[in-house]
Structure formats: C-alpha cells, structure tokens
C-alpha cells in the first residue's frame, strides 16, 4: 500500500492530469482498490480461467474490442489478423462511468471464461465452473482506456488486469495455435498515450 506521502503525490499527479499505465494482477484487491477507485474500476474476484485441452486454464486469450481498433491502429491490425493478447493470470475489470472519465474497453475474453474462486493449483487440479460459489461464466473486459479533459489537455489512462502480458517472458513465448501480438499492446499503448 501507499505510504501517506506516496498517496498525496499520487493524488496530485492524477488530479493534474498525468497519463498512467496501471498493471495489476489477480487477488490484489487489497492493494489495488485505492489505486483504481478514483477511476471507478474494480478487479473481479478470483482469477479468470477457461478450460482448454492444450494450455493451462489461467492462460487467457483476450481480443481487441471494436472500440480499441478505432482508437489505436495497432489494435485494428490485431483484429484484422485475428491476433490476441495472451494474459497468463488475469483479473477481469469492472467499471463505472461516473468518475468523469470516458471509458473504452480495450481487450475482452470470449464467453467461455469464468472467474475461478476455488482452484489454486492449476497444474494438478481441474477447474470446474461452480456458480454456487459466485463464479460467473461470461465475456470479461481485461483492459480499458480512460480519458478526460483536464486543464492542460487530455488525460489518458490504461488499466490492465494483468502485468505479465507485457513481460519479457510473455513477449518471447510462442505457443502453437495461438497468434499472440502482445508487443502490439506496448507499441499501441505508448503510441496512443504519447499523442
């Protein structure tokens, strides 16, 4: 968590319209809630999973949204070539639009994904959807962009439910049958944020 001084500096930076790239991870609500709350964003409980035959269930393939492709041409190219962002261990993002920001969903999952709340060992255990425990199967947003007009121009913020998607390890990993374009997240994100 932020110290008192760090919180003051953070609040000033956000208030004056500083651009931000915020990367999170599942099960970090305790630390991330104070960071994400001013933007109206919450992490979905649990970790997103999808049962597949060839890959670990926590490896999520997120697709750029229509809105993302209109906002950033790198993401339009991803849609054109049917590329995805691989997100190994990701939280879904929930958001409101009452904090003064325009919210643009950037990446989302297909509808076969759910928020796993019980399984923690994804190597030896099998994931199963358990609606009674609060697990919900649906399409989840995994990254968003936010904008608002501030005194000195437009503030731009990108929030991801996964930090690993732009790690060196993930950028250098290839998987058979998956057309990953994670480097486009970096190129597109900084292209957009730097005007």
N, C-alpha and C. Protein backbone atom coordinates (compact mmCIF):
# COMPACT_ATOMS: atom_id res chain seq x y z
N UNK A 1 0.83 -1.22 0.00
CA UNK A 1 0.00 0.00 0.00
C UNK A 1 0.86 1.26 0.00
N UNK A 2 0.29 2.35 -0.50
CA UNK A 2 0.99 3.63 -0.49
C UNK A 2 1.23 4.10 0.95
N UNK A 3 2.37 4.76 1.17
CA UNK A 3 2.55 5.49 2.42
C UNK A 3 1.70 6.75 2.30
N UNK A 4 1.57 7.49 3.40
CA UNK A 4 0.77 8.73 3.37
C UNK A 4 1.35 9.71 2.36
N UNK A 5 2.67 9.84 2.32
CA UNK A 5 3.32 10.75 1.38
C UNK A 5 3.11 10.30 -0.06
N UNK A 6 3.26 9.00 -0.31
CA UNK A 6 3.05 8.46 -1.67
C UNK A 6 1.61 8.69 -2.13
N UNK A 7 0.65 8.53 -1.21
CA UNK A 7 -0.76 8.74 -1.57
C UNK A 7 -1.00 10.19 -1.96
N UNK A 8 -0.42 11.12 -1.23
CA UNK A 8 -0.56 12.55 -1.56
C UNK A 8 0.03 12.82 -2.94
N UNK A 9 1.22 12.30 -3.21
CA UNK A 9 1.86 12.52 -4.51
C UNK A 9 1.05 11.90 -5.64
N UNK A 10 0.53 10.70 -5.40
CA UNK A 10 -0.30 10.02 -6.40
C UNK A 10 -1.55 10.84 -6.70
N UNK A 11 -2.24 11.27 -5.66
CA UNK A 11 -3.48 12.05 -5.83
C UNK A 11 -3.22 13.34 -6.60
N UNK A 12 -2.11 14.00 -6.32
CA UNK A 12 -1.76 15.24 -7.03
C UNK A 12 -1.50 14.95 -8.51
N UNK A 13 -0.77 13.87 -8.78
CA UNK A 13 -0.44 13.50 -10.16
C UNK A 13 -1.70 13.21 -10.96
N UNK A 14 -2.61 12.43 -10.38
CA UNK A 14 -3.87 12.10 -11.06
C UNK A 14 -4.70 13.36 -11.26
N UNK A 15 -4.79 14.20 -10.22
CA UNK A 15 -5.62 15.41 -10.30
C UNK A 15 -5.12 16.38 -11.36
N UNK A 16 -3.81 16.48 -11.56
CA UNK A 16 -3.29 17.43 -12.55
C UNK A 16 -3.31 16.86 -13.97
N UNK A 17 -3.74 15.60 -14.12
CA UNK A 17 -3.93 15.05 -15.46
C UNK A 17 -2.77 14.25 -16.01
N UNK A 18 -1.95 13.69 -15.15
CA UNK A 18 -0.84 12.87 -15.63
C UNK A 18 -1.33 11.58 -16.28
N UNK A 19 -0.68 11.19 -17.36
CA UNK A 19 -1.02 9.93 -18.03
C UNK A 19 -0.49 8.76 -17.22
N UNK A 20 -1.20 7.62 -17.30
CA UNK A 20 -0.84 6.46 -16.49
C UNK A 20 -1.04 5.16 -17.25
N UNK A 21 -0.16 4.22 -16.98
CA UNK A 21 -0.32 2.83 -17.39
C UNK A 21 -0.32 2.03 -16.09
N UNK A 22 -1.47 1.45 -15.74
CA UNK A 22 -1.63 0.74 -14.48
C UNK A 22 -1.79 -0.75 -14.80
N UNK A 23 -0.89 -1.56 -14.25
CA UNK A 23 -0.91 -3.01 -14.46
C UNK A 23 -1.19 -3.67 -13.12
N UNK A 24 -2.13 -4.60 -13.10
CA UNK A 24 -2.47 -5.28 -11.87
C UNK A 24 -2.34 -6.78 -12.05
N UNK A 25 -2.73 -7.52 -11.04
CA UNK A 25 -2.72 -8.98 -11.05
C UNK A 25 -3.90 -9.47 -10.22
N UNK A 26 -4.34 -10.71 -10.45
CA UNK A 26 -5.43 -11.25 -9.65
C UNK A 26 -5.09 -11.27 -8.16
N UNK A 27 -6.14 -11.21 -7.37
CA UNK A 27 -6.04 -11.31 -5.90
C UNK A 27 -5.21 -10.19 -5.30
N UNK A 28 -5.25 -9.01 -5.93
CA UNK A 28 -4.52 -7.85 -5.41
C UNK A 28 -5.47 -6.72 -5.03
N UNK A 29 -6.75 -7.03 -4.80
CA UNK A 29 -7.73 -6.01 -4.47
C UNK A 29 -7.32 -5.19 -3.25
N UNK A 30 -6.68 -5.84 -2.27
CA UNK A 30 -6.31 -5.13 -1.05
C UNK A 30 -5.38 -3.96 -1.33
N UNK A 31 -4.47 -4.12 -2.27
CA UNK A 31 -3.53 -3.06 -2.60
C UNK A 31 -4.07 -2.17 -3.72
N UNK A 32 -4.73 -2.77 -4.70
CA UNK A 32 -5.11 -2.03 -5.90
C UNK A 32 -6.40 -1.22 -5.76
N UNK A 33 -7.24 -1.53 -4.78
CA UNK A 33 -8.52 -0.82 -4.69
C UNK A 33 -8.33 0.68 -4.52
N UNK A 34 -7.36 1.11 -3.71
CA UNK A 34 -7.15 2.55 -3.52
C UNK A 34 -6.58 3.20 -4.78
N UNK A 35 -5.87 2.43 -5.60
CA UNK A 35 -5.32 2.95 -6.85
C UNK A 35 -6.43 3.07 -7.92
N UNK A 36 -7.28 2.07 -7.98
CA UNK A 36 -8.28 2.00 -9.05
C UNK A 36 -9.58 2.74 -8.74
N UNK A 37 -9.91 2.94 -7.48
CA UNK A 37 -11.18 3.54 -7.07
C UNK A 37 -11.42 4.92 -7.70
N UNK A 38 -10.42 5.81 -7.74
CA UNK A 38 -10.68 7.13 -8.35
C UNK A 38 -11.09 7.07 -9.82
N UNK A 39 -10.80 5.94 -10.47
CA UNK A 39 -11.15 5.77 -11.88
C UNK A 39 -12.46 4.99 -12.05
N UNK A 40 -13.05 4.55 -10.93
CA UNK A 40 -14.28 3.78 -10.99
C UNK A 40 -14.07 2.35 -11.44
N UNK A 41 -12.89 1.79 -11.17
CA UNK A 41 -12.54 0.45 -11.63
C UNK A 41 -12.33 -0.48 -10.45
N UNK A 42 -12.80 -1.73 -10.59
CA UNK A 42 -12.60 -2.77 -9.59
C UNK A 42 -12.10 -4.03 -10.28
N UNK A 43 -11.29 -4.79 -9.56
CA UNK A 43 -10.86 -6.10 -10.03
C UNK A 43 -11.94 -7.12 -9.69
N UNK A 44 -12.29 -7.98 -10.63
CA UNK A 44 -13.24 -9.05 -10.38
C UNK A 44 -12.58 -10.04 -9.43
N UNK A 45 -13.32 -10.56 -8.48
CA UNK A 45 -12.78 -11.55 -7.53
C UNK A 45 -12.32 -12.79 -8.27
N UNK A 46 -11.26 -13.39 -7.77
CA UNK A 46 -10.74 -14.62 -8.36
C UNK A 46 -9.80 -14.36 -9.52
N UNK A 47 -9.56 -15.41 -10.28
CA UNK A 47 -8.68 -15.36 -11.45
C UNK A 47 -9.47 -15.89 -12.64
N UNK A 48 -9.33 -15.25 -13.78
CA UNK A 48 -10.06 -15.70 -14.96
C UNK A 48 -9.45 -16.99 -15.49
N UNK A 49 -10.32 -17.93 -15.83
CA UNK A 49 -9.88 -19.21 -16.38
C UNK A 49 -10.79 -19.60 -17.54
N UNK A 50 -10.27 -20.51 -18.37
CA UNK A 50 -11.03 -21.10 -19.46
C UNK A 50 -10.49 -22.51 -19.65
N UNK A 51 -11.36 -23.49 -19.53
CA UNK A 51 -10.93 -24.88 -19.68
C UNK A 51 -10.56 -25.14 -21.14
N UNK A 52 -9.31 -25.56 -21.37
CA UNK A 52 -8.85 -25.89 -22.71
C UNK A 52 -8.08 -27.20 -22.66
N UNK A 53 -7.91 -27.81 -23.80
CA UNK A 53 -7.22 -29.09 -23.87
C UNK A 53 -5.70 -28.94 -23.86
N UNK A 54 -5.19 -27.86 -24.49
CA UNK A 54 -3.76 -27.76 -24.72
C UNK A 54 -2.99 -26.81 -23.81
N UNK A 55 -3.69 -25.94 -23.09
CA UNK A 55 -2.99 -24.92 -22.31
C UNK A 55 -3.57 -24.84 -20.91
N UNK A 56 -2.79 -24.26 -20.01
CA UNK A 56 -3.23 -24.06 -18.63
C UNK A 56 -4.50 -23.21 -18.63
N UNK A 57 -5.44 -23.49 -17.73
CA UNK A 57 -6.71 -22.77 -17.74
C UNK A 57 -6.57 -21.27 -17.46
N UNK A 58 -5.52 -20.88 -16.77
CA UNK A 58 -5.35 -19.46 -16.45
C UNK A 58 -4.67 -18.66 -17.57
N UNK A 59 -4.34 -19.31 -18.69
CA UNK A 59 -3.82 -18.59 -19.85
C UNK A 59 -5.01 -18.08 -20.67
N UNK A 60 -5.27 -16.81 -20.56
CA UNK A 60 -6.43 -16.21 -21.22
C UNK A 60 -5.97 -15.52 -22.51
N UNK A 61 -6.75 -15.71 -23.55
CA UNK A 61 -6.51 -15.05 -24.82
C UNK A 61 -7.58 -13.96 -24.98
N UNK A 62 -7.15 -12.71 -24.87
CA UNK A 62 -8.08 -11.58 -24.95
C UNK A 62 -7.98 -10.94 -26.33
N UNK A 63 -9.14 -10.56 -26.83
CA UNK A 63 -9.23 -9.98 -28.18
C UNK A 63 -9.47 -8.47 -28.09
N UNK A 64 -8.92 -7.71 -29.03
CA UNK A 64 -9.21 -6.27 -29.03
C UNK A 64 -10.69 -6.03 -29.37
N UNK A 65 -11.26 -5.04 -28.75
CA UNK A 65 -12.66 -4.69 -28.98
C UNK A 65 -12.78 -3.82 -30.22
N UNK A 66 -14.00 -3.63 -30.70
CA UNK A 66 -14.25 -2.70 -31.80
C UNK A 66 -13.77 -1.30 -31.44
N UNK A 67 -14.06 -0.89 -30.20
CA UNK A 67 -13.66 0.44 -29.75
C UNK A 67 -12.15 0.59 -29.74
N UNK A 68 -11.45 -0.45 -29.34
CA UNK A 68 -9.98 -0.42 -29.31
C UNK A 68 -9.41 -0.26 -30.70
N UNK A 69 -10.00 -0.95 -31.67
CA UNK A 69 -9.48 -0.87 -33.03
C UNK A 69 -9.72 0.51 -33.64
N UNK A 70 -10.77 1.20 -33.20
CA UNK A 70 -11.00 2.56 -33.69
C UNK A 70 -10.07 3.57 -33.01
N UNK A 71 -9.63 3.25 -31.80
CA UNK A 71 -8.81 4.16 -31.02
C UNK A 71 -7.33 4.07 -31.41
N UNK A 72 -6.84 2.85 -31.64
CA UNK A 72 -5.40 2.62 -31.84
C UNK A 72 -5.21 1.69 -33.03
N UNK A 73 -4.52 2.16 -34.05
CA UNK A 73 -4.41 1.36 -35.27
C UNK A 73 -3.68 0.04 -35.06
N UNK A 74 -2.80 -0.04 -34.07
CA UNK A 74 -2.13 -1.31 -33.76
C UNK A 74 -3.16 -2.38 -33.39
N UNK A 75 -4.20 -1.97 -32.68
CA UNK A 75 -5.23 -2.91 -32.25
C UNK A 75 -6.16 -3.25 -33.41
N UNK A 76 -6.33 -2.32 -34.33
CA UNK A 76 -7.08 -2.62 -35.55
C UNK A 76 -6.36 -3.71 -36.35
N UNK A 77 -5.04 -3.60 -36.45
CA UNK A 77 -4.26 -4.65 -37.14
C UNK A 77 -4.41 -5.99 -36.44
N UNK A 78 -4.46 -5.99 -35.12
CA UNK A 78 -4.66 -7.24 -34.39
C UNK A 78 -6.00 -7.88 -34.77
N UNK A 79 -7.04 -7.08 -34.86
CA UNK A 79 -8.35 -7.62 -35.25
C UNK A 79 -8.30 -8.14 -36.68
N UNK A 80 -7.65 -7.39 -37.54
CA UNK A 80 -7.55 -7.78 -38.95
C UNK A 80 -6.89 -9.15 -39.10
N UNK A 81 -5.83 -9.39 -38.33
CA UNK A 81 -5.07 -10.64 -38.44
C UNK A 81 -5.51 -11.68 -37.40
N UNK A 82 -6.62 -11.39 -36.69
CA UNK A 82 -7.16 -12.31 -35.68
C UNK A 82 -6.12 -12.67 -34.62
N UNK A 83 -5.40 -11.65 -34.18
CA UNK A 83 -4.40 -11.82 -33.13
C UNK A 83 -5.03 -11.57 -31.76
N UNK A 84 -4.39 -12.09 -30.74
CA UNK A 84 -4.86 -11.93 -29.37
C UNK A 84 -3.72 -11.44 -28.48
N UNK A 85 -4.08 -11.05 -27.27
CA UNK A 85 -3.11 -10.78 -26.22
C UNK A 85 -3.19 -11.95 -25.26
N UNK A 86 -2.08 -12.62 -25.03
CA UNK A 86 -2.07 -13.70 -24.06
C UNK A 86 -1.84 -13.11 -22.67
N UNK A 87 -2.69 -13.51 -21.76
CA UNK A 87 -2.66 -12.99 -20.39
C UNK A 87 -2.64 -14.17 -19.42
N UNK A 88 -1.45 -14.55 -18.97
CA UNK A 88 -1.35 -15.67 -18.04
C UNK A 88 -1.59 -15.22 -16.60
N UNK A 89 -2.77 -15.40 -16.11
CA UNK A 89 -3.14 -14.96 -14.77
C UNK A 89 -3.65 -13.52 -14.83
N UNK A 90 -4.93 -13.38 -15.07
CA UNK A 90 -5.52 -12.06 -15.27
C UNK A 90 -6.81 -11.91 -14.47
N UNK A 91 -7.07 -10.70 -14.03
CA UNK A 91 -8.33 -10.33 -13.39
C UNK A 91 -9.22 -9.67 -14.42
N UNK A 92 -10.49 -9.93 -14.32
CA UNK A 92 -11.45 -9.15 -15.09
C UNK A 92 -11.58 -7.77 -14.46
N UNK A 93 -11.98 -6.80 -15.27
CA UNK A 93 -12.17 -5.45 -14.77
C UNK A 93 -13.65 -5.09 -14.84
N UNK A 94 -14.16 -4.53 -13.76
CA UNK A 94 -15.50 -3.96 -13.72
C UNK A 94 -15.32 -2.46 -13.57
N UNK A 95 -16.21 -1.69 -14.17
CA UNK A 95 -16.02 -0.24 -14.11
C UNK A 95 -17.36 0.49 -14.17
N UNK A 96 -17.32 1.71 -13.66
CA UNK A 96 -18.46 2.62 -13.76
C UNK A 96 -18.03 3.79 -14.64
N UNK A 97 -18.97 4.58 -15.04
CA UNK A 97 -18.65 5.74 -15.88
C UNK A 97 -19.02 7.05 -15.18
N UNK A 98 -19.05 7.03 -13.85
CA UNK A 98 -19.47 8.22 -13.10
C UNK A 98 -18.33 8.96 -12.41
N UNK A 99 -17.10 8.73 -12.85
CA UNK A 99 -15.94 9.38 -12.22
C UNK A 99 -15.34 10.48 -13.10
N UNK A 100 -16.05 10.84 -14.17
CA UNK A 100 -15.57 11.91 -15.03
C UNK A 100 -14.71 11.46 -16.19
N UNK A 101 -14.53 10.17 -16.34
CA UNK A 101 -13.71 9.62 -17.42
C UNK A 101 -14.60 8.96 -18.48
N UNK A 102 -14.19 9.09 -19.72
CA UNK A 102 -14.77 8.27 -20.78
C UNK A 102 -14.04 6.94 -20.73
N UNK A 103 -14.79 5.83 -20.67
CA UNK A 103 -14.19 4.51 -20.54
C UNK A 103 -14.31 3.77 -21.86
N UNK A 104 -13.19 3.22 -22.31
CA UNK A 104 -13.14 2.47 -23.58
C UNK A 104 -12.60 1.07 -23.28
N UNK A 105 -13.43 0.03 -23.40
CA UNK A 105 -12.90 -1.32 -23.23
C UNK A 105 -11.90 -1.63 -24.35
N UNK A 106 -10.73 -2.12 -24.00
CA UNK A 106 -9.69 -2.41 -25.00
C UNK A 106 -9.63 -3.87 -25.39
N UNK A 107 -9.61 -4.75 -24.39
CA UNK A 107 -9.50 -6.19 -24.65
C UNK A 107 -10.54 -6.92 -23.83
N UNK A 108 -11.08 -8.00 -24.42
CA UNK A 108 -12.07 -8.81 -23.71
C UNK A 108 -11.88 -10.28 -24.06
N UNK A 109 -12.44 -11.12 -23.23
CA UNK A 109 -12.37 -12.56 -23.42
C UNK A 109 -13.57 -13.03 -24.22
N UNK A 110 -13.57 -14.31 -24.58
CA UNK A 110 -14.79 -14.87 -25.14
C UNK A 110 -15.73 -15.22 -23.98
N UNK A 111 -16.88 -15.78 -24.30
CA UNK A 111 -17.90 -16.01 -23.27
C UNK A 111 -17.72 -17.33 -22.52
N UNK A 112 -16.65 -18.07 -22.77
CA UNK A 112 -16.41 -19.34 -22.08
C UNK A 112 -15.49 -19.19 -20.87
N UNK A 113 -15.19 -17.98 -20.50
CA UNK A 113 -14.28 -17.68 -19.39
C UNK A 113 -15.11 -17.45 -18.12
N UNK A 114 -14.54 -17.85 -16.98
CA UNK A 114 -15.19 -17.53 -15.71
C UNK A 114 -14.14 -17.13 -14.68
N UNK A 115 -14.63 -16.53 -13.59
CA UNK A 115 -13.76 -16.08 -12.50
C UNK A 115 -13.63 -17.20 -11.47
N UNK A 116 -12.55 -17.94 -11.55
CA UNK A 116 -12.32 -19.08 -10.65
C UNK A 116 -12.02 -18.58 -9.24
N UNK A 117 -12.80 -19.06 -8.28
CA UNK A 117 -12.65 -18.63 -6.90
C UNK A 117 -12.08 -19.71 -5.99
N UNK A 118 -12.10 -20.97 -6.43
CA UNK A 118 -11.73 -22.06 -5.54
C UNK A 118 -10.38 -22.69 -5.88
N UNK A 119 -10.14 -23.03 -7.13
CA UNK A 119 -8.91 -23.72 -7.51
C UNK A 119 -7.72 -22.79 -7.39
N UNK A 120 -6.64 -23.28 -6.78
CA UNK A 120 -5.40 -22.50 -6.71
C UNK A 120 -4.24 -23.24 -7.36
N UNK A 121 -4.34 -24.55 -7.49
CA UNK A 121 -3.29 -25.35 -8.13
C UNK A 121 -3.77 -25.71 -9.53
N UNK A 122 -3.32 -24.94 -10.52
CA UNK A 122 -3.80 -25.15 -11.88
C UNK A 122 -3.01 -26.22 -12.62
N UNK A 123 -1.99 -26.77 -11.99
CA UNK A 123 -1.21 -27.84 -12.61
C UNK A 123 -1.82 -29.20 -12.29
N UNK A 124 -2.13 -29.44 -11.02
CA UNK A 124 -2.61 -30.75 -10.60
C UNK A 124 -4.12 -30.87 -10.47
N UNK A 125 -4.82 -29.74 -10.29
CA UNK A 125 -6.27 -29.77 -10.14
C UNK A 125 -6.95 -29.43 -11.45
N UNK A 126 -8.22 -29.75 -11.53
CA UNK A 126 -9.03 -29.44 -12.70
C UNK A 126 -10.00 -28.32 -12.33
N UNK A 127 -10.12 -27.34 -13.20
CA UNK A 127 -11.06 -26.25 -12.92
C UNK A 127 -12.45 -26.66 -13.40
N UNK A 128 -13.43 -26.33 -12.57
CA UNK A 128 -14.82 -26.54 -12.95
C UNK A 128 -15.62 -25.33 -12.51
N UNK A 129 -16.56 -24.95 -13.31
CA UNK A 129 -17.41 -23.80 -13.00
C UNK A 129 -18.34 -24.15 -11.85
N UNK A 130 -18.32 -23.35 -10.80
CA UNK A 130 -19.18 -23.55 -9.64
C UNK A 130 -19.97 -22.26 -9.39
N UNK A 131 -21.13 -22.19 -9.97
CA UNK A 131 -21.96 -20.99 -9.89
C UNK A 131 -22.35 -20.69 -8.45
N UNK A 132 -22.56 -21.72 -7.64
CA UNK A 132 -22.98 -21.53 -6.25
C UNK A 132 -21.94 -20.77 -5.43
N UNK A 133 -20.66 -20.87 -5.80
CA UNK A 133 -19.61 -20.17 -5.05
C UNK A 133 -19.40 -18.74 -5.53
N UNK A 134 -20.15 -18.32 -6.56
CA UNK A 134 -20.02 -16.96 -7.07
C UNK A 134 -19.24 -16.86 -8.37
N UNK A 135 -18.89 -18.00 -8.94
CA UNK A 135 -18.18 -17.98 -10.22
C UNK A 135 -19.19 -17.69 -11.34
N UNK A 136 -18.80 -16.80 -12.25
CA UNK A 136 -19.69 -16.36 -13.33
C UNK A 136 -19.00 -16.55 -14.67
N UNK A 137 -19.64 -17.30 -15.55
CA UNK A 137 -19.10 -17.52 -16.90
C UNK A 137 -19.69 -16.48 -17.84
N UNK A 138 -18.81 -15.69 -18.47
CA UNK A 138 -19.24 -14.65 -19.40
C UNK A 138 -18.00 -14.06 -20.06
N UNK A 139 -18.19 -13.12 -20.93
CA UNK A 139 -17.08 -12.37 -21.51
C UNK A 139 -16.66 -11.30 -20.51
N UNK A 140 -15.35 -11.22 -20.24
CA UNK A 140 -14.81 -10.25 -19.29
C UNK A 140 -13.91 -9.25 -20.01
N UNK A 141 -13.98 -8.01 -19.59
CA UNK A 141 -13.04 -6.99 -20.05
C UNK A 141 -11.76 -7.14 -19.23
N UNK A 142 -10.60 -7.18 -19.91
CA UNK A 142 -9.33 -7.36 -19.20
C UNK A 142 -8.43 -6.13 -19.27
N UNK A 143 -8.79 -5.16 -20.11
CA UNK A 143 -8.01 -3.91 -20.20
C UNK A 143 -8.93 -2.80 -20.68
N UNK A 144 -8.72 -1.61 -20.14
CA UNK A 144 -9.53 -0.45 -20.53
C UNK A 144 -8.64 0.77 -20.73
N UNK A 145 -9.17 1.72 -21.48
CA UNK A 145 -8.55 3.03 -21.61
C UNK A 145 -9.54 4.05 -21.05
N UNK A 146 -9.03 5.07 -20.40
CA UNK A 146 -9.87 6.14 -19.87
C UNK A 146 -9.31 7.47 -20.33
N UNK A 147 -10.21 8.39 -20.62
CA UNK A 147 -9.78 9.75 -20.98
C UNK A 147 -10.68 10.76 -20.29
N UNK A 148 -10.11 11.93 -20.07
CA UNK A 148 -10.90 13.07 -19.59
C UNK A 148 -10.14 14.34 -19.93
N UNK A 149 -10.90 15.40 -20.08
CA UNK A 149 -10.30 16.70 -20.33
C UNK A 149 -9.86 17.31 -19.01
N UNK A 150 -8.62 17.77 -18.98
CA UNK A 150 -8.08 18.46 -17.82
C UNK A 150 -7.54 19.81 -18.28
N UNK A 151 -7.15 20.61 -17.34
CA UNK A 151 -6.72 21.98 -17.63
C UNK A 151 -5.66 22.06 -18.72
N UNK A 152 -4.71 21.14 -18.70
CA UNK A 152 -3.61 21.22 -19.67
C UNK A 152 -3.76 20.24 -20.84
N UNK A 153 -4.98 19.76 -21.11
CA UNK A 153 -5.20 18.87 -22.25
C UNK A 153 -6.02 17.65 -21.88
N UNK A 154 -5.68 16.54 -22.48
CA UNK A 154 -6.42 15.30 -22.26
C UNK A 154 -5.59 14.33 -21.44
N UNK A 155 -6.17 13.84 -20.35
CA UNK A 155 -5.52 12.81 -19.54
C UNK A 155 -5.86 11.45 -20.13
N UNK A 156 -4.85 10.58 -20.23
CA UNK A 156 -5.03 9.23 -20.78
C UNK A 156 -4.52 8.21 -19.78
N UNK A 157 -5.36 7.21 -19.53
CA UNK A 157 -5.03 6.17 -18.56
C UNK A 157 -5.35 4.82 -19.19
N UNK A 158 -4.45 3.87 -19.05
CA UNK A 158 -4.72 2.49 -19.45
C UNK A 158 -4.60 1.62 -18.21
N UNK A 159 -5.58 0.73 -18.02
CA UNK A 159 -5.59 -0.17 -16.87
C UNK A 159 -5.73 -1.60 -17.37
N UNK A 160 -4.82 -2.47 -16.91
CA UNK A 160 -4.82 -3.88 -17.30
C UNK A 160 -5.01 -4.74 -16.05
N UNK A 161 -5.74 -5.83 -16.18
CA UNK A 161 -5.91 -6.79 -15.11
C UNK A 161 -4.77 -7.79 -15.05
N UNK A 162 -3.73 -7.57 -15.85
CA UNK A 162 -2.58 -8.46 -15.90
C UNK A 162 -1.34 -7.64 -16.19
N UNK A 163 -0.26 -7.93 -15.47
CA UNK A 163 1.02 -7.27 -15.73
C UNK A 163 1.92 -8.13 -16.60
N UNK A 164 1.72 -9.45 -16.54
CA UNK A 164 2.60 -10.37 -17.26
C UNK A 164 2.47 -10.26 -18.77
N UNK A 165 1.36 -9.72 -19.26
CA UNK A 165 1.15 -9.68 -20.71
C UNK A 165 2.21 -8.87 -21.44
N UNK A 166 2.89 -7.97 -20.73
CA UNK A 166 3.96 -7.21 -21.39
C UNK A 166 5.33 -7.51 -20.78
N UNK A 167 5.43 -8.63 -20.08
CA UNK A 167 6.71 -9.03 -19.51
C UNK A 167 7.61 -9.61 -20.59
N UNK A 168 8.92 -9.58 -20.35
CA UNK A 168 9.86 -10.18 -21.30
C UNK A 168 9.54 -11.64 -21.55
N UNK A 169 9.16 -12.36 -20.50
CA UNK A 169 8.84 -13.77 -20.64
C UNK A 169 7.67 -13.99 -21.59
N UNK A 170 6.64 -13.21 -21.44
CA UNK A 170 5.46 -13.39 -22.29
C UNK A 170 5.72 -12.90 -23.72
N UNK A 171 6.50 -11.83 -23.85
CA UNK A 171 6.80 -11.32 -25.19
C UNK A 171 7.64 -12.29 -25.99
N UNK A 172 8.42 -13.13 -25.31
CA UNK A 172 9.30 -14.04 -26.03
C UNK A 172 8.76 -15.47 -26.11
N UNK A 173 7.54 -15.68 -25.66
CA UNK A 173 6.95 -17.01 -25.66
C UNK A 173 6.03 -17.18 -26.87
N UNK A 174 6.24 -18.27 -27.59
CA UNK A 174 5.34 -18.62 -28.68
C UNK A 174 4.58 -19.89 -28.32
N UNK A 175 3.32 -19.96 -28.70
CA UNK A 175 2.51 -21.14 -28.41
C UNK A 175 1.83 -21.60 -29.69
N UNK A 176 1.90 -22.89 -29.95
CA UNK A 176 1.30 -23.46 -31.14
C UNK A 176 -0.21 -23.20 -31.14
N UNK A 177 -0.70 -22.67 -32.25
CA UNK A 177 -2.12 -22.43 -32.39
C UNK A 177 -2.62 -21.11 -31.82
N UNK A 178 -1.73 -20.31 -31.24
CA UNK A 178 -2.12 -19.01 -30.68
C UNK A 178 -1.36 -17.92 -31.41
N UNK A 179 -2.08 -17.01 -32.03
CA UNK A 179 -1.46 -15.88 -32.73
C UNK A 179 -1.41 -14.70 -31.78
N UNK A 180 -0.39 -14.68 -30.93
CA UNK A 180 -0.25 -13.62 -29.92
C UNK A 180 0.44 -12.40 -30.52
N UNK A 181 -0.05 -11.24 -30.12
CA UNK A 181 0.54 -9.97 -30.56
C UNK A 181 0.73 -9.05 -29.35
N UNK A 182 1.33 -9.59 -28.29
CA UNK A 182 1.49 -8.82 -27.07
C UNK A 182 2.36 -7.58 -27.26
N UNK A 183 3.33 -7.64 -28.16
CA UNK A 183 4.16 -6.46 -28.38
C UNK A 183 3.32 -5.29 -28.90
N UNK A 184 2.23 -5.59 -29.59
CA UNK A 184 1.34 -4.53 -30.08
C UNK A 184 0.68 -3.78 -28.93
N UNK A 185 0.53 -4.42 -27.78
CA UNK A 185 -0.02 -3.73 -26.61
C UNK A 185 0.92 -2.61 -26.20
N UNK A 186 2.22 -2.90 -26.19
CA UNK A 186 3.20 -1.88 -25.82
C UNK A 186 3.25 -0.77 -26.88
N UNK A 187 3.40 -1.17 -28.12
CA UNK A 187 3.50 -0.18 -29.21
C UNK A 187 2.24 0.67 -29.29
N UNK A 188 1.08 0.01 -29.27
CA UNK A 188 -0.17 0.74 -29.38
C UNK A 188 -0.45 1.61 -28.18
N UNK A 189 -0.15 1.09 -26.99
CA UNK A 189 -0.40 1.85 -25.78
C UNK A 189 0.41 3.13 -25.71
N UNK A 190 1.70 3.02 -26.00
CA UNK A 190 2.53 4.22 -25.91
C UNK A 190 2.32 5.15 -27.11
N UNK A 191 1.94 4.59 -28.25
CA UNK A 191 1.55 5.43 -29.39
C UNK A 191 0.37 6.32 -28.99
N UNK A 192 -0.63 5.72 -28.40
CA UNK A 192 -1.82 6.47 -28.00
C UNK A 192 -1.52 7.45 -26.87
N UNK A 193 -0.81 7.01 -25.84
CA UNK A 193 -0.58 7.86 -24.68
C UNK A 193 0.35 9.04 -24.99
N UNK A 194 1.20 8.90 -26.01
CA UNK A 194 2.13 9.99 -26.34
C UNK A 194 1.60 10.90 -27.44
N UNK A 195 0.35 10.69 -27.83
CA UNK A 195 -0.28 11.51 -28.88
C UNK A 195 0.45 11.41 -30.20
